[in-house]
Amino acid sequence: MPEISRFYGIIIRMYFQDHNPPHFHAEYQGMKAEYDIRTLDILAGRLPKRANALVLEWASEHKDELMNNWERAIVPATLDRIEPLN
């Protein structure tokens, strides 16, 4: 599963040819969650409150890039790296 971003110990990934709805995976200290790209709702799993807040902040800034990567992952094609949260 390609890593598309990493910040503050959080790893963001996407699977190739994954199931709908469009989503990404976040991992932090062994905990995992899947986030809907459109709504930023958690679809599965959970992260600690602070890590979740950082993921939501990052994802809200990069929704278009996330959707572009989702469309590339369906093909599948190489995914673009997305700038980390600063």
PDB file of N, CA and C in Angstrom:
ATOM      1  N   MET A   1       0.871  -1.167   0.000  1.00  0.00           N
ATOM      2  CA  MET A   1       0.000   0.000   0.000  1.00  0.00           C
ATOM      3  C   MET A   1       0.915   1.226   0.000  1.00  0.00           C
ATOM      4  N   PRO A   2       0.822   2.061  -1.026  1.00  0.00           N
ATOM      5  CA  PRO A   2       1.708   3.230  -1.119  1.00  0.00           C
ATOM      6  C   PRO A   2       1.472   4.268  -0.023  1.00  0.00           C
ATOM      7  N   GLU A   3       2.580   4.750   0.505  1.00  0.00           N
ATOM      8  CA  GLU A   3       2.547   5.848   1.466  1.00  0.00           C
ATOM      9  C   GLU A   3       2.499   7.145   0.673  1.00  0.00           C
ATOM     10  N   ILE A   4       1.533   8.005   0.978  1.00  0.00           N
ATOM     11  CA  ILE A   4       1.424   9.258   0.228  1.00  0.00           C
ATOM     12  C   ILE A   4       1.820  10.474   1.046  1.00  0.00           C
ATOM     13  N   SER A   5       1.890  10.320   2.382  1.00  0.00           N
ATOM     14  CA  SER A   5       2.339  11.423   3.227  1.00  0.00           C
ATOM     15  C   SER A   5       2.705  10.879   4.608  1.00  0.00           C
ATOM     16  N   ARG A   6       3.520  11.678   5.313  1.00  0.00           N
ATOM     17  CA  ARG A   6       3.930  11.314   6.671  1.00  0.00           C
ATOM     18  C   ARG A   6       4.207  12.602   7.432  1.00  0.00           C
ATOM     19  N   PHE A   7       3.627  12.723   8.613  1.00  0.00           N
ATOM     20  CA  PHE A   7       3.839  13.909   9.439  1.00  0.00           C
ATOM     21  C   PHE A   7       3.532  13.578  10.891  1.00  0.00           C
ATOM     22  N   TYR A   8       4.327  14.106  11.803  1.00  0.00           N
ATOM     23  CA  TYR A   8       4.143  13.931  13.251  1.00  0.00           C
ATOM     24  C   TYR A   8       3.913  12.480  13.647  1.00  0.00           C
ATOM     25  N   GLY A   9       4.612  11.565  12.973  1.00  0.00           N
ATOM     26  CA  GLY A   9       4.475  10.148  13.279  1.00  0.00           C
ATOM     27  C   GLY A   9       3.259   9.478  12.675  1.00  0.00           C
ATOM     28  N   ILE A  10       2.469  10.222  11.901  1.00  0.00           N
ATOM     29  CA  ILE A  10       1.263   9.693  11.248  1.00  0.00           C
ATOM     30  C   ILE A  10       1.622   9.325   9.814  1.00  0.00           C
ATOM     31  N   ILE A  11       1.230   8.137   9.390  1.00  0.00           N
ATOM     32  CA  ILE A  11       1.477   7.679   8.030  1.00  0.00           C
ATOM     33  C   ILE A  11       0.137   7.624   7.304  1.00  0.00           C
ATOM     34  N   ILE A  12       0.094   8.230   6.116  1.00  0.00           N
ATOM     35  CA  ILE A  12      -1.115   8.246   5.283  1.00  0.00           C
ATOM     36  C   ILE A  12      -0.849   7.371   4.065  1.00  0.00           C
ATOM     37  N   ARG A  13      -1.795   6.451   3.789  1.00  0.00           N
ATOM     38  CA  ARG A  13      -1.637   5.514   2.664  1.00  0.00           C
ATOM     39  C   ARG A  13      -2.946   5.361   1.903  1.00  0.00           C
ATOM     40  N   MET A  14      -2.814   4.808   0.692  1.00  0.00           N
ATOM     41  CA  MET A  14      -3.967   4.411  -0.120  1.00  0.00           C
ATOM     42  C   MET A  14      -3.663   3.065  -0.759  1.00  0.00           C
ATOM     43  N   TYR A  15      -4.682   2.220  -0.825  1.00  0.00           N
ATOM     44  CA  TYR A  15      -4.569   0.948  -1.533  1.00  0.00           C
ATOM     45  C   TYR A  15      -4.900   1.174  -3.006  1.00  0.00           C
ATOM     46  N   PHE A  16      -4.276   0.376  -3.884  1.00  0.00           N
ATOM     47  CA  PHE A  16      -4.678   0.358  -5.282  1.00  0.00           C
ATOM     48  C   PHE A  16      -5.978  -0.433  -5.408  1.00  0.00           C
ATOM     49  N   GLN A  17      -6.879   0.040  -6.246  1.00  0.00           N
ATOM     50  CA  GLN A  17      -8.146  -0.618  -6.554  1.00  0.00           C
ATOM     51  C   GLN A  17      -8.926  -0.985  -5.288  1.00  0.00           C
ATOM     52  N   ASP A  18      -9.002  -0.065  -4.349  1.00  0.00           N
ATOM     53  CA  ASP A  18      -9.701  -0.271  -3.083  1.00  0.00           C
ATOM     54  C   ASP A  18     -11.203  -0.061  -3.276  1.00  0.00           C
ATOM     55  N   HIS A  19     -11.983  -0.447  -2.283  1.00  0.00           N
ATOM     56  CA  HIS A  19     -13.446  -0.347  -2.316  1.00  0.00           C
ATOM     57  C   HIS A  19     -13.908   1.101  -2.131  1.00  0.00           C
ATOM     58  N   ASN A  20     -15.109   1.396  -2.584  1.00  0.00           N
ATOM     59  CA  ASN A  20     -15.725   2.702  -2.352  1.00  0.00           C
ATOM     60  C   ASN A  20     -16.298   2.735  -0.945  1.00  0.00           C
ATOM     61  N   PRO A  21     -16.536   3.897  -0.376  1.00  0.00           N
ATOM     62  CA  PRO A  21     -16.354   5.233  -0.918  1.00  0.00           C
ATOM     63  C   PRO A  21     -14.863   5.604  -0.951  1.00  0.00           C
ATOM     64  N   PRO A  22     -14.528   6.651  -1.723  1.00  0.00           N
ATOM     65  CA  PRO A  22     -13.132   7.100  -1.775  1.00  0.00           C
ATOM     66  C   PRO A  22     -12.625   7.401  -0.365  1.00  0.00           C
ATOM     67  N   HIS A  23     -11.481   6.808  -0.012  1.00  0.00           N
ATOM     68  CA  HIS A  23     -10.973   6.962   1.342  1.00  0.00           C
ATOM     69  C   HIS A  23      -9.457   6.808   1.375  1.00  0.00           C
ATOM     70  N   PHE A  24      -8.881   7.133   2.518  1.00  0.00           N
ATOM     71  CA  PHE A  24      -7.464   6.909   2.746  1.00  0.00           C
ATOM     72  C   PHE A  24      -7.296   6.286   4.126  1.00  0.00           C
ATOM     73  N   HIS A  25      -6.127   5.736   4.362  1.00  0.00           N
ATOM     74  CA  HIS A  25      -5.812   5.058   5.607  1.00  0.00           C
ATOM     75  C   HIS A  25      -4.783   5.884   6.373  1.00  0.00           C
ATOM     76  N   ALA A  26      -4.973   6.029   7.668  1.00  0.00           N
ATOM     77  CA  ALA A  26      -4.019   6.715   8.537  1.00  0.00           C
ATOM     78  C   ALA A  26      -3.589   5.751   9.633  1.00  0.00           C
ATOM     79  N   GLU A  27      -2.295   5.808   9.967  1.00  0.00           N
ATOM     80  CA  GLU A  27      -1.755   4.950  11.009  1.00  0.00           C
ATOM     81  C   GLU A  27      -0.904   5.787  11.954  1.00  0.00           C
ATOM     82  N   TYR A  28      -1.071   5.531  13.248  1.00  0.00           N
ATOM     83  CA  TYR A  28      -0.298   6.241  14.258  1.00  0.00           C
ATOM     84  C   TYR A  28      -0.094   5.322  15.454  1.00  0.00           C
ATOM     85  N   GLN A  29       1.159   5.056  15.776  1.00  0.00           N
ATOM     86  CA  GLN A  29       1.528   4.222  16.923  1.00  0.00           C
ATOM     87  C   GLN A  29       0.740   2.918  16.990  1.00  0.00           C
ATOM     88  N   GLY A  30       0.647   2.236  15.862  1.00  0.00           N
ATOM     89  CA  GLY A  30      -0.027   0.943  15.804  1.00  0.00           C
ATOM     90  C   GLY A  30      -1.537   1.001  15.687  1.00  0.00           C
ATOM     91  N   MET A  31      -2.114   2.189  15.785  1.00  0.00           N
ATOM     92  CA  MET A  31      -3.562   2.347  15.625  1.00  0.00           C
ATOM     93  C   MET A  31      -3.845   2.771  14.184  1.00  0.00           C
ATOM     94  N   LYS A  32      -4.980   2.354  13.659  1.00  0.00           N
ATOM     95  CA  LYS A  32      -5.327   2.633  12.261  1.00  0.00           C
ATOM     96  C   LYS A  32      -6.753   3.129  12.148  1.00  0.00           C
ATOM     97  N   ALA A  33      -6.971   3.967  11.127  1.00  0.00           N
ATOM     98  CA  ALA A  33      -8.321   4.439  10.819  1.00  0.00           C
ATOM     99  C   ALA A  33      -8.425   4.695   9.324  1.00  0.00           C
ATOM    100  N   GLU A  34      -9.627   4.533   8.786  1.00  0.00           N
ATOM    101  CA  GLU A  34      -9.927   4.864   7.391  1.00  0.00           C
ATOM    102  C   GLU A  34     -10.828   6.088   7.392  1.00  0.00           C
ATOM    103  N   TYR A  35     -10.518   7.058   6.526  1.00  0.00           N
ATOM    104  CA  TYR A  35     -11.268   8.315   6.454  1.00  0.00           C
ATOM    105  C   TYR A  35     -11.884   8.488   5.065  1.00  0.00           C
ATOM    106  N   ASP A  36     -13.150   8.817   5.031  1.00  0.00           N
ATOM    107  CA  ASP A  36     -13.838   9.166   3.797  1.00  0.00           C
ATOM    108  C   ASP A  36     -13.264  10.497   3.293  1.00  0.00           C
ATOM    109  N   ILE A  37     -12.822  10.536   2.056  1.00  0.00           N
ATOM    110  CA  ILE A  37     -12.203  11.754   1.516  1.00  0.00           C
ATOM    111  C   ILE A  37     -13.215  12.889   1.422  1.00  0.00           C
ATOM    112  N   ARG A  38     -14.425  12.584   1.035  1.00  0.00           N
ATOM    113  CA  ARG A  38     -15.417  13.649   0.814  1.00  0.00           C
ATOM    114  C   ARG A  38     -15.919  14.278   2.109  1.00  0.00           C
ATOM    115  N   THR A  39     -16.181  13.439   3.108  1.00  0.00           N
ATOM    116  CA  THR A  39     -16.792  13.937   4.349  1.00  0.00           C
ATOM    117  C   THR A  39     -15.806  14.031   5.514  1.00  0.00           C
ATOM    118  N   LEU A  40     -14.668  13.343   5.378  1.00  0.00           N
ATOM    119  CA  LEU A  40     -13.658  13.205   6.424  1.00  0.00           C
ATOM    120  C   LEU A  40     -14.168  12.450   7.649  1.00  0.00           C
ATOM    121  N   ASP A  41     -15.276  11.735   7.494  1.00  0.00           N
ATOM    122  CA  ASP A  41     -15.774  10.861   8.554  1.00  0.00           C
ATOM    123  C   ASP A  41     -14.866   9.633   8.652  1.00  0.00           C
ATOM    124  N   ILE A  42     -14.742   9.091   9.851  1.00  0.00           N
ATOM    125  CA  ILE A  42     -14.011   7.837  10.028  1.00  0.00           C
ATOM    126  C   ILE A  42     -14.924   6.692   9.610  1.00  0.00           C
ATOM    127  N   LEU A  43     -14.427   5.860   8.704  1.00  0.00           N
ATOM    128  CA  LEU A  43     -15.189   4.710   8.212  1.00  0.00           C
ATOM    129  C   LEU A  43     -14.916   3.460   9.046  1.00  0.00           C
ATOM    130  N   ALA A  44     -13.693   3.348   9.554  1.00  0.00           N
ATOM    131  CA  ALA A  44     -13.311   2.176  10.347  1.00  0.00           C
ATOM    132  C   ALA A  44     -12.110   2.541  11.207  1.00  0.00           C
ATOM    133  N   GLY A  45     -11.998   1.892  12.345  1.00  0.00           N
ATOM    134  CA  GLY A  45     -10.854   2.100  13.219  1.00  0.00           C
ATOM    135  C   GLY A  45     -10.960   3.388  14.020  1.00  0.00           C
ATOM    136  N   ARG A  46      -9.821   3.744  14.646  1.00  0.00           N
ATOM    137  CA  ARG A  46      -9.777   4.991  15.406  1.00  0.00           C
ATOM    138  C   ARG A  46      -8.333   5.357  15.658  1.00  0.00           C
ATOM    139  N   LEU A  47      -8.119   6.641  15.872  1.00  0.00           N
ATOM    140  CA  LEU A  47      -6.818   7.175  16.266  1.00  0.00           C
ATOM    141  C   LEU A  47      -7.004   7.980  17.541  1.00  0.00           C
ATOM    142  N   PRO A  48      -5.908   8.209  18.285  1.00  0.00           N
ATOM    143  CA  PRO A  48      -6.017   9.092  19.446  1.00  0.00           C
ATOM    144  C   PRO A  48      -6.532  10.468  19.029  1.00  0.00           C
ATOM    145  N   LYS A  49      -7.169  11.160  19.948  1.00  0.00           N
ATOM    146  CA  LYS A  49      -7.822  12.443  19.659  1.00  0.00           C
ATOM    147  C   LYS A  49      -6.893  13.429  18.940  1.00  0.00           C
ATOM    148  N   ARG A  50      -5.685  13.609  19.437  1.00  0.00           N
ATOM    149  CA  ARG A  50      -4.750  14.578  18.833  1.00  0.00           C
ATOM    150  C   ARG A  50      -4.350  14.152  17.424  1.00  0.00           C
ATOM    151  N   ALA A  51      -4.031  12.870  17.228  1.00  0.00           N
ATOM    152  CA  ALA A  51      -3.662  12.379  15.898  1.00  0.00           C
ATOM    153  C   ALA A  51      -4.838  12.530  14.935  1.00  0.00           C
ATOM    154  N   ASN A  52      -6.035  12.225  15.390  1.00  0.00           N
ATOM    155  CA  ASN A  52      -7.226  12.386  14.564  1.00  0.00           C
ATOM    156  C   ASN A  52      -7.386  13.845  14.132  1.00  0.00           C
ATOM    157  N   ALA A  53      -7.193  14.781  15.054  1.00  0.00           N
ATOM    158  CA  ALA A  53      -7.318  16.205  14.729  1.00  0.00           C
ATOM    159  C   ALA A  53      -6.284  16.619  13.681  1.00  0.00           C
ATOM    160  N   LEU A  54      -5.067  16.090  13.793  1.00  0.00           N
ATOM    161  CA  LEU A  54      -4.029  16.423  12.807  1.00  0.00           C
ATOM    162  C   LEU A  54      -4.371  15.849  11.436  1.00  0.00           C
ATOM    163  N   VAL A  55      -4.881  14.618  11.403  1.00  0.00           N
ATOM    164  CA  VAL A  55      -5.288  14.009  10.134  1.00  0.00           C
ATOM    165  C   VAL A  55      -6.410  14.832   9.493  1.00  0.00           C
ATOM    166  N   LEU A  56      -7.392  15.230  10.277  1.00  0.00           N
ATOM    167  CA  LEU A  56      -8.505  16.022   9.736  1.00  0.00           C
ATOM    168  C   LEU A  56      -8.023  17.367   9.199  1.00  0.00           C
ATOM    169  N   GLU A  57      -7.117  18.010   9.928  1.00  0.00           N
ATOM    170  CA  GLU A  57      -6.568  19.293   9.455  1.00  0.00           C
ATOM    171  C   GLU A  57      -5.832  19.104   8.139  1.00  0.00           C
ATOM    172  N   TRP A  58      -4.974  18.090   8.076  1.00  0.00           N
ATOM    173  CA  TRP A  58      -4.206  17.806   6.862  1.00  0.00           C
ATOM    174  C   TRP A  58      -5.135  17.474   5.693  1.00  0.00           C
ATOM    175  N   ALA A  59      -6.091  16.572   5.924  1.00  0.00           N
ATOM    176  CA  ALA A  59      -6.985  16.121   4.849  1.00  0.00           C
ATOM    177  C   ALA A  59      -7.853  17.255   4.328  1.00  0.00           C
ATOM    178  N   SER A  60      -8.294  18.147   5.197  1.00  0.00           N
ATOM    179  CA  SER A  60      -9.133  19.265   4.734  1.00  0.00           C
ATOM    180  C   SER A  60      -8.342  20.197   3.823  1.00  0.00           C
ATOM    181  N   GLU A  61      -7.033  20.266   4.029  1.00  0.00           N
ATOM    182  CA  GLU A  61      -6.178  21.098   3.178  1.00  0.00           C
ATOM    183  C   GLU A  61      -5.844  20.423   1.846  1.00  0.00           C
ATOM    184  N   HIS A  62      -6.034  19.114   1.760  1.00  0.00           N
ATOM    185  CA  HIS A  62      -5.572  18.358   0.585  1.00  0.00           C
ATOM    186  C   HIS A  62      -6.659  17.491  -0.047  1.00  0.00           C
ATOM    187  N   LYS A  63      -7.920  17.867   0.105  1.00  0.00           N
ATOM    188  CA  LYS A  63      -9.018  17.043  -0.432  1.00  0.00           C
ATOM    189  C   LYS A  63      -8.893  16.812  -1.938  1.00  0.00           C
ATOM    190  N   ASP A  64      -8.578  17.858  -2.700  1.00  0.00           N
ATOM    191  CA  ASP A  64      -8.464  17.701  -4.156  1.00  0.00           C
ATOM    192  C   ASP A  64      -7.340  16.736  -4.516  1.00  0.00           C
ATOM    193  N   GLU A  65      -6.211  16.861  -3.843  1.00  0.00           N
ATOM    194  CA  GLU A  65      -5.089  15.963  -4.112  1.00  0.00           C
ATOM    195  C   GLU A  65      -5.426  14.530  -3.718  1.00  0.00           C
ATOM    196  N   LEU A  66      -6.148  14.368  -2.617  1.00  0.00           N
ATOM    197  CA  LEU A  66      -6.578  13.038  -2.205  1.00  0.00           C
ATOM    198  C   LEU A  66      -7.511  12.411  -3.238  1.00  0.00           C
ATOM    199  N   MET A  67      -8.458  13.189  -3.751  1.00  0.00           N
ATOM    200  CA  MET A  67      -9.377  12.656  -4.776  1.00  0.00           C
ATOM    201  C   MET A  67      -8.613  12.313  -6.059  1.00  0.00           C
ATOM    202  N   ASN A  68      -7.652  13.149  -6.427  1.00  0.00           N
ATOM    203  CA  ASN A  68      -6.831  12.842  -7.608  1.00  0.00           C
ATOM    204  C   ASN A  68      -6.080  11.532  -7.413  1.00  0.00           C
ATOM    205  N   ASN A  69      -5.509  11.340  -6.228  1.00  0.00           N
ATOM    206  CA  ASN A  69      -4.812  10.084  -5.955  1.00  0.00           C
ATOM    207  C   ASN A  69      -5.775   8.905  -5.950  1.00  0.00           C
ATOM    208  N   TRP A  70      -6.982   9.097  -5.418  1.00  0.00           N
ATOM    209  CA  TRP A  70      -7.981   8.021  -5.427  1.00  0.00           C
ATOM    210  C   TRP A  70      -8.266   7.590  -6.865  1.00  0.00           C
ATOM    211  N   GLU A  71      -8.454   8.549  -7.740  1.00  0.00           N
ATOM    212  CA  GLU A  71      -8.726   8.237  -9.148  1.00  0.00           C
ATOM    213  C   GLU A  71      -7.538   7.532  -9.797  1.00  0.00           C
ATOM    214  N   ARG A  72      -6.329   7.915  -9.425  1.00  0.00           N
ATOM    215  CA  ARG A  72      -5.132   7.257  -9.951  1.00  0.00           C
ATOM    216  C   ARG A  72      -5.022   5.828  -9.408  1.00  0.00           C
ATOM    217  N   ALA A  73      -5.403   5.634  -8.150  1.00  0.00           N
ATOM    218  CA  ALA A  73      -5.309   4.311  -7.530  1.00  0.00           C
ATOM    219  C   ALA A  73      -6.265   3.315  -8.174  1.00  0.00           C
ATOM    220  N   ILE A  74      -7.378   3.798  -8.705  1.00  0.00           N
ATOM    221  CA  ILE A  74      -8.356   2.918  -9.348  1.00  0.00           C
ATOM    222  C   ILE A  74      -7.782   2.311 -10.624  1.00  0.00           C
ATOM    223  N   VAL A  75      -6.953   3.075 -11.351  1.00  0.00           N
ATOM    224  CA  VAL A  75      -6.445   2.660 -12.678  1.00  0.00           C
ATOM    225  C   VAL A  75      -5.695   1.327 -12.634  1.00  0.00           C
ATOM    226  N   PRO A  76      -4.741   0.982 -11.900  1.00  0.00           N
ATOM    227  CA  PRO A  76      -3.931   1.770 -10.987  1.00  0.00           C
ATOM    228  C   PRO A  76      -2.773   2.464 -11.701  1.00  0.00           C
ATOM    229  N   ALA A  77      -2.410   3.619 -11.157  1.00  0.00           N
ATOM    230  CA  ALA A  77      -1.269   4.397 -11.626  1.00  0.00           C
ATOM    231  C   ALA A  77      -0.511   4.893 -10.402  1.00  0.00           C
ATOM    232  N   THR A  78       0.697   5.339 -10.635  1.00  0.00           N
ATOM    233  CA  THR A  78       1.538   5.826  -9.537  1.00  0.00           C
ATOM    234  C   THR A  78       0.831   6.973  -8.809  1.00  0.00           C
ATOM    235  N   LEU A  79       0.869   6.917  -7.480  1.00  0.00           N
ATOM    236  CA  LEU A  79       0.237   7.955  -6.678  1.00  0.00           C
ATOM    237  C   LEU A  79       1.229   9.072  -6.388  1.00  0.00           C
ATOM    238  N   ASP A  80       0.714  10.280  -6.297  1.00  0.00           N
ATOM    239  CA  ASP A  80       1.544  11.446  -5.994  1.00  0.00           C
ATOM    240  C   ASP A  80       1.729  11.580  -4.489  1.00  0.00           C
ATOM    241  N   ARG A  81       2.906  12.014  -4.080  1.00  0.00           N
ATOM    242  CA  ARG A  81       3.136  12.361  -2.682  1.00  0.00           C
ATOM    243  C   ARG A  81       2.368  13.644  -2.392  1.00  0.00           C
ATOM    244  N   ILE A  82       1.870  13.784  -1.185  1.00  0.00           N
ATOM    245  CA  ILE A  82       1.153  14.979  -0.760  1.00  0.00           C
ATOM    246  C   ILE A  82       1.946  15.609   0.379  1.00  0.00           C
ATOM    247  N   GLU A  83       2.099  16.905   0.326  1.00  0.00           N
ATOM    248  CA  GLU A  83       2.873  17.623   1.329  1.00  0.00           C
ATOM    249  C   GLU A  83       2.369  17.305   2.732  1.00  0.00           C
ATOM    250  N   PRO A  84       3.291  17.142   3.676  1.00  0.00           N
ATOM    251  CA  PRO A  84       2.871  16.875   5.067  1.00  0.00           C
ATOM    252  C   PRO A  84       2.319  18.132   5.726  1.00  0.00           C
ATOM    253  N   LEU A  85       1.724  17.925   6.863  1.00  0.00           N
ATOM    254  CA  LEU A  85       1.247  19.030   7.688  1.00  0.00           C
ATOM    255  C   LEU A  85       2.457  19.663   8.347  1.00  0.00           C
ATOM    256  N   ASN A  86       2.531  20.979   8.307  1.00  0.00           N
ATOM    257  CA  ASN A  86       3.673  21.680   8.907  1.00  0.00           C
ATOM    258  C   ASN A  86       3.312  22.311  10.223  1.00  0.00           C
TER     259      ASN A  86
END
